[in-house]
Amino acid sequence: MHRAWWIAGLGLVLACAGVQNPKDDDLRVVVDRFLHDVRWQYTDTAAARVLPACSDEFQDALDDAKDDLKVTGWEIRRAEPIPGDGVKIRLQISYYLLPSTVLKEETVEQIWKQEDKKWFLQSQAGGPFEFPPKGCPPAAAPEPANAQP
């Protein structure tokens, strides 16, 4: 009996050893995890992925919308670098807002910026929530590629 428990425990340990934690420097993993957290209403961990100056306002906005906003899926379509350690992500997101059950599909553009090897959402155009949220100062626009000092 004890041997069966030991073998089951060993199998569990080996299975867990194969699971890797997503890296904070892999933007596609970060974006996917952020949207996963929005979908399943893990508002605290989703808010940890946005500009630190806006995380409280963003978490409040998600908490206010959690009874109505239902994200059903997303697909990252394109990622392109922008000047100043930023990346523009274009994605397709599917969602509905209760009481409506009509599924909406929108193209969303997000700007992510890397600071201290971590990625943070800087702005979002389109989709089921606005970012930066009301009450949070908008992020500075990225410098144009041909700007002269």
C-alpha atoms as a PDB file:
ATOM      1  CA  MET A   1       0.000   0.000   0.000  1.00  0.00           C
ATOM      2  CA  HIS A   2       2.760   2.442   0.927  1.00  0.00           C
ATOM      3  CA  ARG A   3       4.654   1.547  -2.209  1.00  0.00           C
ATOM      4  CA  ALA A   4       1.659   2.530  -4.381  1.00  0.00           C
ATOM      5  CA  TRP A   5       1.469   5.931  -2.667  1.00  0.00           C
ATOM      6  CA  TRP A   6       5.202   6.413  -3.102  1.00  0.00           C
ATOM      7  CA  ILE A   7       5.019   5.597  -6.828  1.00  0.00           C
ATOM      8  CA  ALA A   8       2.010   7.915  -7.284  1.00  0.00           C
ATOM      9  CA  GLY A   9       3.871  10.692  -5.444  1.00  0.00           C
ATOM     10  CA  LEU A  10       6.972  10.211  -7.569  1.00  0.00           C
ATOM     11  CA  GLY A  11       4.868  10.374 -10.727  1.00  0.00           C
ATOM     12  CA  LEU A  12       3.313  13.635  -9.559  1.00  0.00           C
ATOM     13  CA  VAL A  13       6.723  15.150  -8.787  1.00  0.00           C
ATOM     14  CA  LEU A  14       8.060  14.170 -12.210  1.00  0.00           C
ATOM     15  CA  ALA A  15       4.963  15.531 -13.938  1.00  0.00           C
ATOM     16  CA  CYS A  16       5.312  18.853 -12.116  1.00  0.00           C
ATOM     17  CA  ALA A  17       9.010  19.046 -12.952  1.00  0.00           C
ATOM     18  CA  GLY A  18       8.107  19.084 -16.648  1.00  0.00           C
ATOM     19  CA  VAL A  19       5.888  22.157 -16.254  1.00  0.00           C
ATOM     20  CA  GLN A  20       7.807  25.357 -16.828  1.00  0.00           C
ATOM     21  CA  ASN A  21       6.882  28.731 -15.417  1.00  0.00           C
ATOM     22  CA  PRO A  22       6.295  31.376 -18.072  1.00  0.00           C
ATOM     23  CA  LYS A  23       9.170  33.813 -18.299  1.00  0.00           C
ATOM     24  CA  ASP A  24       8.519  37.471 -17.691  1.00  0.00           C
ATOM     25  CA  ASP A  25      10.742  38.372 -20.648  1.00  0.00           C
ATOM     26  CA  ASP A  26       8.772  36.329 -23.225  1.00  0.00           C
ATOM     27  CA  LEU A  27       6.173  38.839 -24.420  1.00  0.00           C
ATOM     28  CA  ARG A  28       3.867  36.379 -26.174  1.00  0.00           C
ATOM     29  CA  VAL A  29       3.653  34.322 -22.986  1.00  0.00           C
ATOM     30  CA  VAL A  30       3.040  37.479 -20.925  1.00  0.00           C
ATOM     31  CA  VAL A  31       0.257  38.701 -23.247  1.00  0.00           C
ATOM     32  CA  ASP A  32      -1.346  35.265 -23.290  1.00  0.00           C
ATOM     33  CA  ARG A  33      -1.177  35.036 -19.488  1.00  0.00           C
ATOM     34  CA  PHE A  34      -2.574  38.577 -19.128  1.00  0.00           C
ATOM     35  CA  LEU A  35      -5.580  37.740 -21.314  1.00  0.00           C
ATOM     36  CA  HIS A  36      -6.045  34.433 -19.498  1.00  0.00           C
ATOM     37  CA  ASP A  37      -6.178  36.353 -16.206  1.00  0.00           C
ATOM     38  CA  VAL A  38      -8.684  38.849 -17.632  1.00  0.00           C
ATOM     39  CA  ARG A  39     -10.804  35.983 -18.970  1.00  0.00           C
ATOM     40  CA  TRP A  40     -10.938  34.099 -15.669  1.00  0.00           C
ATOM     41  CA  GLN A  41     -11.230  37.324 -13.634  1.00  0.00           C
ATOM     42  CA  TYR A  42      -7.919  37.044 -11.820  1.00  0.00           C
ATOM     43  CA  THR A  43      -7.959  40.805 -11.538  1.00  0.00           C
ATOM     44  CA  ASP A  44      -4.994  41.110  -9.185  1.00  0.00           C
ATOM     45  CA  THR A  45      -2.603  39.192 -11.436  1.00  0.00           C
ATOM     46  CA  ALA A  46      -3.932  40.917 -14.574  1.00  0.00           C
ATOM     47  CA  ALA A  47      -3.406  44.301 -12.902  1.00  0.00           C
ATOM     48  CA  ALA A  48       0.195  43.336 -12.105  1.00  0.00           C
ATOM     49  CA  ARG A  49       0.866  43.258 -15.892  1.00  0.00           C
ATOM     50  CA  VAL A  50      -0.114  46.876 -16.579  1.00  0.00           C
ATOM     51  CA  LEU A  51       1.739  50.120 -15.962  1.00  0.00           C
ATOM     52  CA  PRO A  52       2.348  50.202 -12.205  1.00  0.00           C
ATOM     53  CA  ALA A  53       0.920  53.738 -11.990  1.00  0.00           C
ATOM     54  CA  CYS A  54      -2.376  52.413 -13.397  1.00  0.00           C
ATOM     55  CA  SER A  55      -2.666  48.997 -11.777  1.00  0.00           C
ATOM     56  CA  ASP A  56      -5.073  50.040  -8.983  1.00  0.00           C
ATOM     57  CA  GLU A  57      -7.430  51.836 -11.379  1.00  0.00           C
ATOM     58  CA  PHE A  58      -7.266  48.928 -13.825  1.00  0.00           C
ATOM     59  CA  GLN A  59      -8.023  46.356 -11.140  1.00  0.00           C
ATOM     60  CA  ASP A  60     -10.973  48.463  -9.941  1.00  0.00           C
ATOM     61  CA  ALA A  61     -12.313  48.700 -13.522  1.00  0.00           C
ATOM     62  CA  LEU A  62     -11.989  44.923 -14.021  1.00  0.00           C
ATOM     63  CA  ASP A  63     -13.645  44.256 -10.666  1.00  0.00           C
ATOM     64  CA  ASP A  64     -16.525  46.553 -11.636  1.00  0.00           C
ATOM     65  CA  ALA A  65     -16.965  44.742 -14.981  1.00  0.00           C
ATOM     66  CA  LYS A  66     -16.471  41.156 -13.819  1.00  0.00           C
ATOM     67  CA  ASP A  67     -20.176  40.345 -13.585  1.00  0.00           C
ATOM     68  CA  ASP A  68     -20.779  41.554 -17.164  1.00  0.00           C
ATOM     69  CA  LEU A  69     -17.575  41.002 -19.165  1.00  0.00           C
ATOM     70  CA  LYS A  70     -17.036  37.491 -20.501  1.00  0.00           C
ATOM     71  CA  VAL A  71     -13.909  36.972 -22.624  1.00  0.00           C
ATOM     72  CA  THR A  72     -14.262  33.780 -24.643  1.00  0.00           C
ATOM     73  CA  GLY A  73     -11.006  33.702 -26.593  1.00  0.00           C
ATOM     74  CA  TRP A  74      -8.150  35.545 -28.235  1.00  0.00           C
ATOM     75  CA  GLU A  75      -5.457  35.052 -30.819  1.00  0.00           C
ATOM     76  CA  ILE A  76      -2.248  37.021 -31.130  1.00  0.00           C
ATOM     77  CA  ARG A  77      -1.958  37.943 -34.804  1.00  0.00           C
ATOM     78  CA  ARG A  78       1.154  40.104 -35.016  1.00  0.00           C
ATOM     79  CA  ALA A  79       3.910  41.608 -32.897  1.00  0.00           C
ATOM     80  CA  GLU A  80       6.111  44.403 -34.189  1.00  0.00           C
ATOM     81  CA  PRO A  81       8.828  46.309 -32.352  1.00  0.00           C
ATOM     82  CA  ILE A  82       8.483  50.047 -31.867  1.00  0.00           C
ATOM     83  CA  PRO A  83      11.219  52.460 -30.782  1.00  0.00           C
ATOM     84  CA  GLY A  84      11.976  52.682 -27.089  1.00  0.00           C
ATOM     85  CA  ASP A  85      11.756  49.053 -25.864  1.00  0.00           C
ATOM     86  CA  GLY A  86       8.140  48.699 -26.919  1.00  0.00           C
ATOM     87  CA  VAL A  87       6.166  46.230 -28.992  1.00  0.00           C
ATOM     88  CA  LYS A  88       2.819  46.690 -30.713  1.00  0.00           C
ATOM     89  CA  ILE A  89       0.665  43.578 -30.404  1.00  0.00           C
ATOM     90  CA  ARG A  90      -2.291  43.077 -32.713  1.00  0.00           C
ATOM     91  CA  LEU A  91      -4.753  40.458 -31.548  1.00  0.00           C
ATOM     92  CA  GLN A  92      -8.255  39.237 -32.169  1.00  0.00           C
ATOM     93  CA  ILE A  93     -10.401  39.002 -29.050  1.00  0.00           C
ATOM     94  CA  SER A  94     -13.852  37.458 -28.632  1.00  0.00           C
ATOM     95  CA  TYR A  95     -16.138  38.526 -25.802  1.00  0.00           C
ATOM     96  CA  TYR A  96     -19.647  39.448 -24.792  1.00  0.00           C
ATOM     97  CA  LEU A  97     -21.069  41.918 -22.294  1.00  0.00           C
ATOM     98  CA  LEU A  98     -24.051  40.728 -20.299  1.00  0.00           C
ATOM     99  CA  PRO A  99     -27.015  41.024 -20.449  1.00  0.00           C
ATOM    100  CA  SER A 100     -26.316  40.622 -24.182  1.00  0.00           C
ATOM    101  CA  THR A 101     -25.178  37.202 -25.322  1.00  0.00           C
ATOM    102  CA  VAL A 102     -24.074  38.420 -28.741  1.00  0.00           C
ATOM    103  CA  LEU A 103     -20.457  37.425 -29.271  1.00  0.00           C
ATOM    104  CA  LYS A 104     -18.259  40.306 -30.414  1.00  0.00           C
ATOM    105  CA  GLU A 105     -14.962  39.825 -32.189  1.00  0.00           C
ATOM    106  CA  GLU A 106     -12.628  42.789 -32.326  1.00  0.00           C
ATOM    107  CA  THR A 107      -9.143  43.554 -33.470  1.00  0.00           C
ATOM    108  CA  VAL A 108      -7.213  45.102 -30.605  1.00  0.00           C
ATOM    109  CA  GLU A 109      -3.880  46.883 -30.655  1.00  0.00           C
ATOM    110  CA  GLN A 110      -1.852  46.917 -27.492  1.00  0.00           C
ATOM    111  CA  ILE A 111       1.441  48.636 -26.748  1.00  0.00           C
ATOM    112  CA  TRP A 112       3.667  46.765 -24.317  1.00  0.00           C
ATOM    113  CA  LYS A 113       6.837  48.203 -22.821  1.00  0.00           C
ATOM    114  CA  GLN A 114       9.664  46.356 -21.142  1.00  0.00           C
ATOM    115  CA  GLU A 115      11.108  47.681 -17.893  1.00  0.00           C
ATOM    116  CA  ASP A 116      13.618  45.748 -15.776  1.00  0.00           C
ATOM    117  CA  LYS A 117      13.082  42.639 -17.944  1.00  0.00           C
ATOM    118  CA  LYS A 118       9.317  42.659 -17.286  1.00  0.00           C
ATOM    119  CA  TRP A 119       6.603  43.577 -19.797  1.00  0.00           C
ATOM    120  CA  PHE A 120       3.784  45.988 -18.919  1.00  0.00           C
ATOM    121  CA  LEU A 121       0.715  46.970 -20.906  1.00  0.00           C
ATOM    122  CA  GLN A 122       1.092  50.648 -21.784  1.00  0.00           C
ATOM    123  CA  SER A 123      -2.015  51.273 -23.886  1.00  0.00           C
ATOM    124  CA  GLN A 124      -4.832  49.504 -25.703  1.00  0.00           C
ATOM    125  CA  ALA A 125      -7.064  50.540 -28.583  1.00  0.00           C
ATOM    126  CA  GLY A 126     -10.286  48.572 -29.040  1.00  0.00           C
ATOM    127  CA  GLY A 127     -11.619  45.619 -27.143  1.00  0.00           C
ATOM    128  CA  PRO A 128     -13.829  45.103 -24.119  1.00  0.00           C
ATOM    129  CA  PHE A 129     -11.932  47.389 -21.721  1.00  0.00           C
ATOM    130  CA  GLU A 130     -10.042  50.609 -22.050  1.00  0.00           C
ATOM    131  CA  PHE A 131      -6.449  51.068 -21.094  1.00  0.00           C
ATOM    132  CA  PRO A 132      -5.287  53.274 -19.566  1.00  0.00           C
ATOM    133  CA  PRO A 133      -8.470  53.341 -17.479  1.00  0.00           C
ATOM    134  CA  LYS A 134     -10.267  56.476 -16.388  1.00  0.00           C
ATOM    135  CA  GLY A 135      -8.436  58.201 -13.573  1.00  0.00           C
ATOM    136  CA  CYS A 136      -5.028  57.075 -14.777  1.00  0.00           C
ATOM    137  CA  PRO A 137      -2.736  59.395 -16.717  1.00  0.00           C
ATOM    138  CA  PRO A 138      -2.234  58.233 -20.315  1.00  0.00           C
ATOM    139  CA  ALA A 139       1.134  56.734 -21.132  1.00  0.00           C
ATOM    140  CA  ALA A 140       3.562  58.808 -23.117  1.00  0.00           C
ATOM    141  CA  ALA A 141       3.377  58.066 -26.837  1.00  0.00           C
ATOM    142  CA  PRO A 142       6.423  56.263 -28.249  1.00  0.00           C
ATOM    143  CA  GLU A 143       8.978  58.398 -30.029  1.00  0.00           C
ATOM    144  CA  PRO A 144       8.651  58.385 -33.832  1.00  0.00           C
ATOM    145  CA  ALA A 145      11.380  56.388 -35.563  1.00  0.00           C
ATOM    146  CA  ASN A 146      12.656  59.441 -37.439  1.00  0.00           C
ATOM    147  CA  ALA A 147      12.675  61.856 -34.462  1.00  0.00           C
ATOM    148  CA  GLN A 148      15.820  63.951 -34.160  1.00  0.00           C
ATOM    149  CA  PRO A 149      17.286  64.887 -30.782  1.00  0.00           C
END
